[in-house]
Amino acid sequence: LDVDDVCYAETVDGRTFLYTADAVLETPLRLYELEEKLTGTEFVRASKQMLVNFDRVEAIRPALNARLQLLLDNGESAIVSRQYAPAIKRKLGL
């Protein structure tokens, strides 16, 4: 699997999944382990449960309570929690 094909990674019920444009794959790695392996790539933490490939983000919208909504190129959206929103804004130069 090419890391550029992954839109986002998410932990659900203690299991970590990788989402591509047309598939969902499970990985044995925990999200923090995956985050460490992806250091230096365009993956950013969006919440405690999610890493997002910033190269796959098509649009960013403000959401309620100082959160952000990321619209991905696979048609899905991800909410960035207030805790991680400042890092996303810094990445954008805001």
Foldseek 3Di string as FASTA:
>chain_A
DDPVQFFKWFADPNWIWTDGLPDIGTDPDDPVVVVVVCPPAQWFDQDPTMIGRPVQFDDWDADPPRWIWTQGVSGDIDIRDNVRNVVVVVVVVD
